[in-house]
Amino acid sequence: MASLPKRIMEHAEALPEAAPICPGTLLHMGNRAAVDQALSRLARRGRLLRVCRGVYVRPIETEFGMRPPSPPKVIAALSSLWGETIVPSGGAAANLLRLTTQVPIRMVYLTSGPSRKLRLFALVLELLHAPRWQLVAPGRPAGLAVRAMAWLGPHEIEESLEVVKRTLSAADLDELAATRAILPSWMAGPVSALVAHG
């Protein structure tokens, strides 16, 4: 029979990029202490990356060496694993919608879960707990617009809504309008006016 670390690596190599590897899913291979120790050893050797406590991913081997899995894929996998909503921060959303030319230097995400930091080699992904209204419409342009406007703040709401109006499709604007009930008043008022006046 192959050693526990070897069996864990065979299992990890069969998984898609960024698929989380957790001790609880490997208990058919050995007891918890042995699995924890094997995962820890594999991480020390660089065969697995310890993203956070109890969660590992397999690094990707390229012709230039090892690289971490794609951060968006890691975030999507962890969102599913933890049952949390995880979305790009307002700064990243504002950049995507061309509301700012600033490119975020930190990888920050908003989450419905607790705040924490994830590590992929030298890359740090920050998850910050956010209120429910900032997590609306995950993965859709209306949600990006809400997060971008929240990041820009009340003083720039009118200008940002003008850009959003030109950027989003009619269906996306309707979805944005549907979120008004949970938005803070400084954002809900201008969004309502946008809908009323077209």
C-alpha atoms as a PDB file:
ATOM      1  CA  MET A   1       0.000   0.000   0.000  1.00  0.00           C
ATOM      2  CA  ALA A   2       1.302   3.491  -0.897  1.00  0.00           C
ATOM      3  CA  SER A   3       2.216   5.911   1.881  1.00  0.00           C
ATOM      4  CA  LEU A   4      -0.398   8.381   3.099  1.00  0.00           C
ATOM      5  CA  PRO A   5       1.337  11.472   1.617  1.00  0.00           C
ATOM      6  CA  LYS A   6       1.603   9.711  -1.750  1.00  0.00           C
ATOM      7  CA  ARG A   7      -2.103   8.792  -1.717  1.00  0.00           C
ATOM      8  CA  ILE A   8      -3.020  12.366  -0.746  1.00  0.00           C
ATOM      9  CA  MET A   9      -0.945  13.718  -3.654  1.00  0.00           C
ATOM     10  CA  GLU A  10      -2.563  11.264  -6.081  1.00  0.00           C
ATOM     11  CA  HIS A  11      -5.946  12.501  -4.864  1.00  0.00           C
ATOM     12  CA  ALA A  12      -4.840  16.167  -5.171  1.00  0.00           C
ATOM     13  CA  GLU A  13      -3.511  15.692  -8.706  1.00  0.00           C
ATOM     14  CA  ALA A  14      -6.874  14.290  -9.817  1.00  0.00           C
ATOM     15  CA  LEU A  15      -8.658  17.456  -8.641  1.00  0.00           C
ATOM     16  CA  PRO A  16      -9.206  20.535 -10.834  1.00  0.00           C
ATOM     17  CA  GLU A  17      -7.149  23.696 -10.306  1.00  0.00           C
ATOM     18  CA  ALA A  18      -7.906  25.484  -7.007  1.00  0.00           C
ATOM     19  CA  ALA A  19     -10.012  22.636  -5.593  1.00  0.00           C
ATOM     20  CA  PRO A  20      -9.700  22.799  -1.788  1.00  0.00           C
ATOM     21  CA  ILE A  21      -8.189  19.840   0.029  1.00  0.00           C
ATOM     22  CA  CYS A  22      -9.423  19.538   3.620  1.00  0.00           C
ATOM     23  CA  PRO A  23      -8.464  16.967   6.273  1.00  0.00           C
ATOM     24  CA  GLY A  24     -12.102  15.980   6.792  1.00  0.00           C
ATOM     25  CA  THR A  25     -12.417  14.813   3.183  1.00  0.00           C
ATOM     26  CA  LEU A  26      -9.377  12.532   3.495  1.00  0.00           C
ATOM     27  CA  LEU A  27     -10.355  10.525   6.575  1.00  0.00           C
ATOM     28  CA  HIS A  28     -10.981   7.437   4.426  1.00  0.00           C
ATOM     29  CA  MET A  29      -7.176   7.345   3.964  1.00  0.00           C
ATOM     30  CA  GLY A  30      -6.223   7.433   7.649  1.00  0.00           C
ATOM     31  CA  ASN A  31      -7.040   8.849  11.073  1.00  0.00           C
ATOM     32  CA  ARG A  32      -7.264  12.601  11.614  1.00  0.00           C
ATOM     33  CA  ALA A  33      -3.853  13.007  13.256  1.00  0.00           C
ATOM     34  CA  ALA A  34      -2.096  11.106  10.450  1.00  0.00           C
ATOM     35  CA  VAL A  35      -3.925  13.090   7.741  1.00  0.00           C
ATOM     36  CA  ASP A  36      -3.128  16.411   9.455  1.00  0.00           C
ATOM     37  CA  GLN A  37       0.534  15.450   9.767  1.00  0.00           C
ATOM     38  CA  ALA A  38       0.752  14.295   6.132  1.00  0.00           C
ATOM     39  CA  LEU A  39      -0.859  17.531   4.874  1.00  0.00           C
ATOM     40  CA  SER A  40       1.503  19.578   7.015  1.00  0.00           C
ATOM     41  CA  ARG A  41       4.537  17.719   5.651  1.00  0.00           C
ATOM     42  CA  LEU A  42       3.350  18.111   2.054  1.00  0.00           C
ATOM     43  CA  ALA A  43       2.907  21.853   2.634  1.00  0.00           C
ATOM     44  CA  ARG A  44       6.414  22.165   4.126  1.00  0.00           C
ATOM     45  CA  ARG A  45       7.844  20.412   1.059  1.00  0.00           C
ATOM     46  CA  GLY A  46       5.949  22.757  -1.279  1.00  0.00           C
ATOM     47  CA  ARG A  47       3.777  20.003  -2.745  1.00  0.00           C
ATOM     48  CA  LEU A  48       0.616  21.640  -1.336  1.00  0.00           C
ATOM     49  CA  LEU A  49      -0.166  25.229  -0.363  1.00  0.00           C
ATOM     50  CA  ARG A  50      -1.767  25.910   3.008  1.00  0.00           C
ATOM     51  CA  VAL A  51      -4.297  28.631   2.146  1.00  0.00           C
ATOM     52  CA  CYS A  52      -5.635  28.979   5.684  1.00  0.00           C
ATOM     53  CA  ARG A  53      -6.204  26.724   8.661  1.00  0.00           C
ATOM     54  CA  GLY A  54      -7.463  23.353   7.466  1.00  0.00           C
ATOM     55  CA  VAL A  55      -7.539  24.237   3.751  1.00  0.00           C
ATOM     56  CA  TYR A  56      -4.880  23.324   1.212  1.00  0.00           C
ATOM     57  CA  VAL A  57      -4.637  23.600  -2.585  1.00  0.00           C
ATOM     58  CA  ARG A  58      -2.283  22.064  -5.093  1.00  0.00           C
ATOM     59  CA  PRO A  59       0.195  24.479  -6.718  1.00  0.00           C
ATOM     60  CA  ILE A  60       0.370  24.438 -10.513  1.00  0.00           C
ATOM     61  CA  GLU A  61       3.583  23.249 -12.118  1.00  0.00           C
ATOM     62  CA  THR A  62       4.736  25.276 -15.135  1.00  0.00           C
ATOM     63  CA  GLU A  63       7.903  25.265 -17.203  1.00  0.00           C
ATOM     64  CA  PHE A  64       9.090  28.187 -15.040  1.00  0.00           C
ATOM     65  CA  GLY A  65       8.397  26.485 -11.721  1.00  0.00           C
ATOM     66  CA  MET A  66       5.471  26.315  -9.333  1.00  0.00           C
ATOM     67  CA  ARG A  67       2.762  28.959  -9.257  1.00  0.00           C
ATOM     68  CA  PRO A  68      -0.341  29.298  -7.106  1.00  0.00           C
ATOM     69  CA  PRO A  69      -3.738  28.484  -8.582  1.00  0.00           C
ATOM     70  CA  SER A  70      -5.692  31.389 -10.051  1.00  0.00           C
ATOM     71  CA  PRO A  71      -6.976  33.624  -7.190  1.00  0.00           C
ATOM     72  CA  PRO A  72     -10.505  33.954  -8.695  1.00  0.00           C
ATOM     73  CA  LYS A  73     -10.723  30.147  -8.920  1.00  0.00           C
ATOM     74  CA  VAL A  74      -9.535  29.799  -5.312  1.00  0.00           C
ATOM     75  CA  ILE A  75     -12.115  32.376  -4.182  1.00  0.00           C
ATOM     76  CA  ALA A  76     -14.915  30.592  -6.093  1.00  0.00           C
ATOM     77  CA  ALA A  77     -13.916  27.219  -4.614  1.00  0.00           C
ATOM     78  CA  LEU A  78     -13.751  28.592  -1.058  1.00  0.00           C
ATOM     79  CA  SER A  79     -17.065  30.415  -1.488  1.00  0.00           C
ATOM     80  CA  SER A  80     -18.658  27.094  -2.371  1.00  0.00           C
ATOM     81  CA  LEU A  81     -16.816  25.181   0.382  1.00  0.00           C
ATOM     82  CA  TRP A  82     -17.732  27.639   3.134  1.00  0.00           C
ATOM     83  CA  GLY A  83     -21.209  28.556   1.815  1.00  0.00           C
ATOM     84  CA  GLU A  84     -20.291  32.242   1.827  1.00  0.00           C
ATOM     85  CA  THR A  85     -20.784  35.034  -0.656  1.00  0.00           C
ATOM     86  CA  ILE A  86     -17.343  36.340  -1.667  1.00  0.00           C
ATOM     87  CA  VAL A  87     -17.066  39.202  -4.163  1.00  0.00           C
ATOM     88  CA  PRO A  88     -14.350  41.613  -5.374  1.00  0.00           C
ATOM     89  CA  SER A  89     -13.956  44.727  -3.229  1.00  0.00           C
ATOM     90  CA  GLY A  90     -15.345  48.116  -4.212  1.00  0.00           C
ATOM     91  CA  GLY A  91     -11.969  49.346  -5.471  1.00  0.00           C
ATOM     92  CA  ALA A  92     -11.664  46.411  -7.865  1.00  0.00           C
ATOM     93  CA  ALA A  93     -15.304  46.865  -8.950  1.00  0.00           C
ATOM     94  CA  ALA A  94     -14.749  50.584  -9.616  1.00  0.00           C
ATOM     95  CA  ASN A  95     -11.722  49.749 -11.741  1.00  0.00           C
ATOM     96  CA  LEU A  96     -13.650  47.108 -13.718  1.00  0.00           C
ATOM     97  CA  LEU A  97     -16.476  49.581 -14.417  1.00  0.00           C
ATOM     98  CA  ARG A  98     -13.949  52.285 -15.373  1.00  0.00           C
ATOM     99  CA  LEU A  99     -15.073  54.560 -12.552  1.00  0.00           C
ATOM    100  CA  THR A 100     -11.426  54.929 -11.560  1.00  0.00           C
ATOM    101  CA  THR A 101      -8.079  54.396 -13.211  1.00  0.00           C
ATOM    102  CA  GLN A 102      -6.539  53.274  -9.926  1.00  0.00           C
ATOM    103  CA  VAL A 103      -5.537  49.633 -10.010  1.00  0.00           C
ATOM    104  CA  PRO A 104      -5.826  47.970  -6.592  1.00  0.00           C
ATOM    105  CA  ILE A 105      -2.445  46.695  -5.413  1.00  0.00           C
ATOM    106  CA  ARG A 106      -3.933  44.499  -2.689  1.00  0.00           C
ATOM    107  CA  MET A 107      -6.293  41.652  -3.521  1.00  0.00           C
ATOM    108  CA  VAL A 108      -9.267  42.427  -1.291  1.00  0.00           C
ATOM    109  CA  TYR A 109     -12.598  40.617  -1.366  1.00  0.00           C
ATOM    110  CA  LEU A 110     -15.793  41.211   0.594  1.00  0.00           C
ATOM    111  CA  THR A 111     -17.413  38.236   2.309  1.00  0.00           C
ATOM    112  CA  SER A 112     -20.520  37.309   4.252  1.00  0.00           C
ATOM    113  CA  GLY A 113     -18.247  35.271   6.545  1.00  0.00           C
ATOM    114  CA  PRO A 114     -15.560  36.384   8.984  1.00  0.00           C
ATOM    115  CA  SER A 115     -12.605  38.536   7.939  1.00  0.00           C
ATOM    116  CA  ARG A 116      -9.418  36.560   7.305  1.00  0.00           C
ATOM    117  CA  LYS A 117      -6.274  36.406   5.177  1.00  0.00           C
ATOM    118  CA  LEU A 118      -5.498  33.659   2.688  1.00  0.00           C
ATOM    119  CA  ARG A 119      -1.978  32.931   1.460  1.00  0.00           C
ATOM    120  CA  LEU A 120      -0.926  31.597  -1.934  1.00  0.00           C
ATOM    121  CA  PHE A 121       2.880  31.627  -1.806  1.00  0.00           C
ATOM    122  CA  ALA A 122       3.728  35.348  -1.446  1.00  0.00           C
ATOM    123  CA  LEU A 123       0.271  36.445  -2.623  1.00  0.00           C
ATOM    124  CA  VAL A 124      -2.108  37.474   0.172  1.00  0.00           C
ATOM    125  CA  LEU A 125      -5.865  37.566  -0.440  1.00  0.00           C
ATOM    126  CA  GLU A 126      -7.759  39.600   2.148  1.00  0.00           C
ATOM    127  CA  LEU A 127     -11.358  38.689   2.937  1.00  0.00           C
ATOM    128  CA  LEU A 128     -13.236  41.440   4.765  1.00  0.00           C
ATOM    129  CA  HIS A 129     -16.635  40.925   6.354  1.00  0.00           C
ATOM    130  CA  ALA A 130     -19.161  43.232   4.681  1.00  0.00           C
ATOM    131  CA  PRO A 131     -22.806  44.153   5.257  1.00  0.00           C
ATOM    132  CA  ARG A 132     -25.432  42.310   3.217  1.00  0.00           C
ATOM    133  CA  TRP A 133     -26.169  45.255   0.911  1.00  0.00           C
ATOM    134  CA  GLN A 134     -22.560  45.276  -0.352  1.00  0.00           C
ATOM    135  CA  LEU A 135     -22.825  41.614  -1.338  1.00  0.00           C
ATOM    136  CA  VAL A 136     -25.898  41.885  -3.590  1.00  0.00           C
ATOM    137  CA  ALA A 137     -25.843  40.426  -7.113  1.00  0.00           C
ATOM    138  CA  PRO A 138     -22.566  38.495  -6.805  1.00  0.00           C
ATOM    139  CA  GLY A 139     -20.814  38.001 -10.131  1.00  0.00           C
ATOM    140  CA  ARG A 140     -23.130  40.387 -11.976  1.00  0.00           C
ATOM    141  CA  PRO A 141     -22.686  43.982 -13.215  1.00  0.00           C
ATOM    142  CA  ALA A 142     -25.395  45.360 -10.886  1.00  0.00           C
ATOM    143  CA  GLY A 143     -23.475  44.036  -7.875  1.00  0.00           C
ATOM    144  CA  LEU A 144     -20.221  45.499  -9.204  1.00  0.00           C
ATOM    145  CA  ALA A 145     -21.975  48.862  -9.518  1.00  0.00           C
ATOM    146  CA  VAL A 146     -23.200  48.761  -5.899  1.00  0.00           C
ATOM    147  CA  ARG A 147     -19.740  47.883  -4.564  1.00  0.00           C
ATOM    148  CA  ALA A 148     -18.023  50.484  -6.754  1.00  0.00           C
ATOM    149  CA  MET A 149     -20.406  53.244  -5.627  1.00  0.00           C
ATOM    150  CA  ALA A 150     -19.975  52.193  -1.984  1.00  0.00           C
ATOM    151  CA  TRP A 151     -16.199  52.445  -2.393  1.00  0.00           C
ATOM    152  CA  LEU A 152     -16.410  55.870  -4.079  1.00  0.00           C
ATOM    153  CA  GLY A 153     -18.745  57.146  -1.355  1.00  0.00           C
ATOM    154  CA  PRO A 154     -21.675  59.577  -1.102  1.00  0.00           C
ATOM    155  CA  HIS A 155     -19.772  62.568  -2.519  1.00  0.00           C
ATOM    156  CA  GLU A 156     -19.271  60.889  -5.897  1.00  0.00           C
ATOM    157  CA  ILE A 157     -22.611  59.086  -6.220  1.00  0.00           C
ATOM    158  CA  GLU A 158     -24.063  61.344  -8.946  1.00  0.00           C
ATOM    159  CA  GLU A 159     -20.979  61.140 -11.195  1.00  0.00           C
ATOM    160  CA  SER A 160     -20.581  57.410 -10.678  1.00  0.00           C
ATOM    161  CA  LEU A 161     -24.259  56.776 -11.467  1.00  0.00           C
ATOM    162  CA  GLU A 162     -23.854  58.615 -14.788  1.00  0.00           C
ATOM    163  CA  VAL A 163     -21.021  56.253 -15.756  1.00  0.00           C
ATOM    164  CA  VAL A 164     -22.962  53.232 -14.479  1.00  0.00           C
ATOM    165  CA  LYS A 165     -25.994  54.311 -16.539  1.00  0.00           C
ATOM    166  CA  ARG A 166     -23.872  54.358 -19.713  1.00  0.00           C
ATOM    167  CA  THR A 167     -22.023  51.122 -18.880  1.00  0.00           C
ATOM    168  CA  LEU A 168     -24.771  48.757 -17.694  1.00  0.00           C
ATOM    169  CA  SER A 169     -27.396  47.181 -19.928  1.00  0.00           C
ATOM    170  CA  ALA A 170     -31.097  47.874 -19.353  1.00  0.00           C
ATOM    171  CA  ALA A 171     -31.490  44.483 -17.623  1.00  0.00           C
ATOM    172  CA  ASP A 172     -28.532  45.235 -15.332  1.00  0.00           C
ATOM    173  CA  LEU A 173     -29.981  48.663 -14.486  1.00  0.00           C
ATOM    174  CA  ASP A 174     -33.283  46.965 -13.618  1.00  0.00           C
ATOM    175  CA  GLU A 175     -31.409  44.587 -11.319  1.00  0.00           C
ATOM    176  CA  LEU A 176     -29.602  47.553  -9.732  1.00  0.00           C
ATOM    177  CA  ALA A 177     -32.959  49.258  -9.193  1.00  0.00           C
ATOM    178  CA  ALA A 178     -34.318  46.104  -7.543  1.00  0.00           C
ATOM    179  CA  THR A 179     -31.630  46.373  -4.840  1.00  0.00           C
ATOM    180  CA  ARG A 180     -32.808  49.830  -3.668  1.00  0.00           C
ATOM    181  CA  ALA A 181     -34.664  48.496  -0.636  1.00  0.00           C
ATOM    182  CA  ILE A 182     -31.489  47.313   1.102  1.00  0.00           C
ATOM    183  CA  LEU A 183     -29.123  50.084  -0.033  1.00  0.00           C
ATOM    184  CA  PRO A 184     -28.188  52.910   2.348  1.00  0.00           C
ATOM    185  CA  SER A 185     -30.260  56.066   1.814  1.00  0.00           C
ATOM    186  CA  TRP A 186     -27.374  58.038   0.272  1.00  0.00           C
ATOM    187  CA  MET A 187     -27.264  55.447  -2.521  1.00  0.00           C
ATOM    188  CA  ALA A 188     -30.920  54.380  -2.698  1.00  0.00           C
ATOM    189  CA  GLY A 189     -32.170  57.931  -3.381  1.00  0.00           C
ATOM    190  CA  PRO A 190     -30.007  58.581  -6.463  1.00  0.00           C
ATOM    191  CA  VAL A 191     -30.626  55.042  -7.788  1.00  0.00           C
ATOM    192  CA  SER A 192     -34.391  55.646  -7.441  1.00  0.00           C
ATOM    193  CA  ALA A 193     -34.044  58.976  -9.265  1.00  0.00           C
ATOM    194  CA  LEU A 194     -32.106  57.254 -12.042  1.00  0.00           C
ATOM    195  CA  VAL A 195     -34.892  54.705 -12.475  1.00  0.00           C
ATOM    196  CA  ALA A 196     -37.635  57.352 -12.342  1.00  0.00           C
ATOM    197  CA  HIS A 197     -35.991  59.608 -14.935  1.00  0.00           C
ATOM    198  CA  GLY A 198     -34.474  56.862 -17.086  1.00  0.00           C
END
